[in-house]
Amino acid sequence: MIINGQPEDIATPLSVDELIARKGLNAGRVAVEVNGAIVPRDKRTQTMLSGTDTVEIVTFVQGG
């Protein structure tokens, strides 16, 4: 699987929510794209990933 441009060996299948948790990220502060399509928050639990997927995870940062 490619995550943020880097190949990673992650056991699949797993859901987008499970990947977020394994990465130690706050699910409320990230946006996730799988194979070029944004995954809505309410679909993360049922969206399953495979070893051939390309995933982009973007973390929101507040600033001022």
C-alpha atoms as a PDB file:
ATOM      1  CA  MET A   1       0.000   0.000   0.000  1.00  0.00           C
ATOM      2  CA  ILE A   2       1.193   3.520  -0.713  1.00  0.00           C
ATOM      3  CA  ILE A   3       0.491   5.980   2.106  1.00  0.00           C
ATOM      4  CA  ASN A   4       1.307   9.640   1.539  1.00  0.00           C
ATOM      5  CA  GLY A   5       3.653   8.693  -1.281  1.00  0.00           C
ATOM      6  CA  GLN A   6       5.591   6.067   0.704  1.00  0.00           C
ATOM      7  CA  PRO A   7       5.237   2.288   0.328  1.00  0.00           C
ATOM      8  CA  GLU A   8       4.178   0.638   3.589  1.00  0.00           C
ATOM      9  CA  ASP A   9       3.676  -3.025   4.421  1.00  0.00           C
ATOM     10  CA  ILE A  10       0.385  -3.096   6.292  1.00  0.00           C
ATOM     11  CA  ALA A  11      -1.711  -6.215   6.808  1.00  0.00           C
ATOM     12  CA  THR A  12      -4.970  -5.960   4.906  1.00  0.00           C
ATOM     13  CA  PRO A  13      -7.883  -5.943   4.678  1.00  0.00           C
ATOM     14  CA  LEU A  14      -8.466  -3.136   7.140  1.00  0.00           C
ATOM     15  CA  SER A  15     -10.824  -0.199   7.198  1.00  0.00           C
ATOM     16  CA  VAL A  16      -9.868   3.434   6.768  1.00  0.00           C
ATOM     17  CA  ASP A  17     -10.808   3.953  10.448  1.00  0.00           C
ATOM     18  CA  GLU A  18      -8.453   1.148  11.495  1.00  0.00           C
ATOM     19  CA  LEU A  19      -5.611   2.671   9.460  1.00  0.00           C
ATOM     20  CA  ILE A  20      -6.163   6.065  11.088  1.00  0.00           C
ATOM     21  CA  ALA A  21      -6.051   4.430  14.532  1.00  0.00           C
ATOM     22  CA  ARG A  22      -2.883   2.421  13.708  1.00  0.00           C
ATOM     23  CA  LYS A  23      -1.206   5.635  12.607  1.00  0.00           C
ATOM     24  CA  GLY A  24      -2.144   7.231  15.944  1.00  0.00           C
ATOM     25  CA  LEU A  25      -4.051  10.038  14.258  1.00  0.00           C
ATOM     26  CA  ASN A  26      -7.062  11.938  15.559  1.00  0.00           C
ATOM     27  CA  ALA A  27      -9.901  10.823  13.256  1.00  0.00           C
ATOM     28  CA  GLY A  28     -11.639  14.171  13.628  1.00  0.00           C
ATOM     29  CA  ARG A  29      -8.626  16.096  12.346  1.00  0.00           C
ATOM     30  CA  VAL A  30      -7.805  14.213   9.148  1.00  0.00           C
ATOM     31  CA  ALA A  31      -9.101  13.903   5.604  1.00  0.00           C
ATOM     32  CA  VAL A  32      -8.518  10.650   3.736  1.00  0.00           C
ATOM     33  CA  GLU A  33      -8.353   9.969   0.016  1.00  0.00           C
ATOM     34  CA  VAL A  34      -8.208   6.426  -1.369  1.00  0.00           C
ATOM     35  CA  ASN A  35      -7.218   5.942  -5.006  1.00  0.00           C
ATOM     36  CA  GLY A  36      -8.056   9.557  -5.802  1.00  0.00           C
ATOM     37  CA  ALA A  37     -11.466   9.665  -4.088  1.00  0.00           C
ATOM     38  CA  ILE A  38     -12.218  11.398  -0.779  1.00  0.00           C
ATOM     39  CA  VAL A  39     -13.647   9.027   1.834  1.00  0.00           C
ATOM     40  CA  PRO A  40     -16.444  10.746   3.810  1.00  0.00           C
ATOM     41  CA  ARG A  41     -16.163  10.383   7.594  1.00  0.00           C
ATOM     42  CA  ASP A  42     -19.382   8.384   7.779  1.00  0.00           C
ATOM     43  CA  LYS A  43     -17.955   5.841   5.281  1.00  0.00           C
ATOM     44  CA  ARG A  44     -14.547   5.275   6.925  1.00  0.00           C
ATOM     45  CA  THR A  45     -15.610   2.237   8.945  1.00  0.00           C
ATOM     46  CA  GLN A  46     -17.010   0.410   5.929  1.00  0.00           C
ATOM     47  CA  THR A  47     -14.351   1.479   3.398  1.00  0.00           C
ATOM     48  CA  MET A  48     -11.911  -1.413   3.267  1.00  0.00           C
ATOM     49  CA  LEU A  49      -8.331  -1.066   2.058  1.00  0.00           C
ATOM     50  CA  SER A  50      -6.215  -3.559   0.136  1.00  0.00           C
ATOM     51  CA  GLY A  51      -2.479  -3.830  -0.421  1.00  0.00           C
ATOM     52  CA  THR A  52      -2.737  -2.205  -3.855  1.00  0.00           C
ATOM     53  CA  ASP A  53      -4.451   1.004  -2.670  1.00  0.00           C
ATOM     54  CA  THR A  54      -2.940   4.468  -2.691  1.00  0.00           C
ATOM     55  CA  VAL A  55      -3.937   6.461   0.386  1.00  0.00           C
ATOM     56  CA  GLU A  56      -3.400  10.118   1.183  1.00  0.00           C
ATOM     57  CA  ILE A  57      -3.992  11.286   4.748  1.00  0.00           C
ATOM     58  CA  VAL A  58      -4.027  15.017   5.381  1.00  0.00           C
ATOM     59  CA  THR A  59      -3.974  16.391   8.921  1.00  0.00           C
ATOM     60  CA  PHE A  60      -5.729  19.676   9.613  1.00  0.00           C
ATOM     61  CA  VAL A  61      -3.643  22.160  11.580  1.00  0.00           C
ATOM     62  CA  GLN A  62      -5.070  25.280  13.159  1.00  0.00           C
ATOM     63  CA  GLY A  63      -3.154  28.455  12.879  1.00  0.00           C
ATOM     64  CA  GLY A  64      -3.683  32.102  13.237  1.00  0.00           C
END
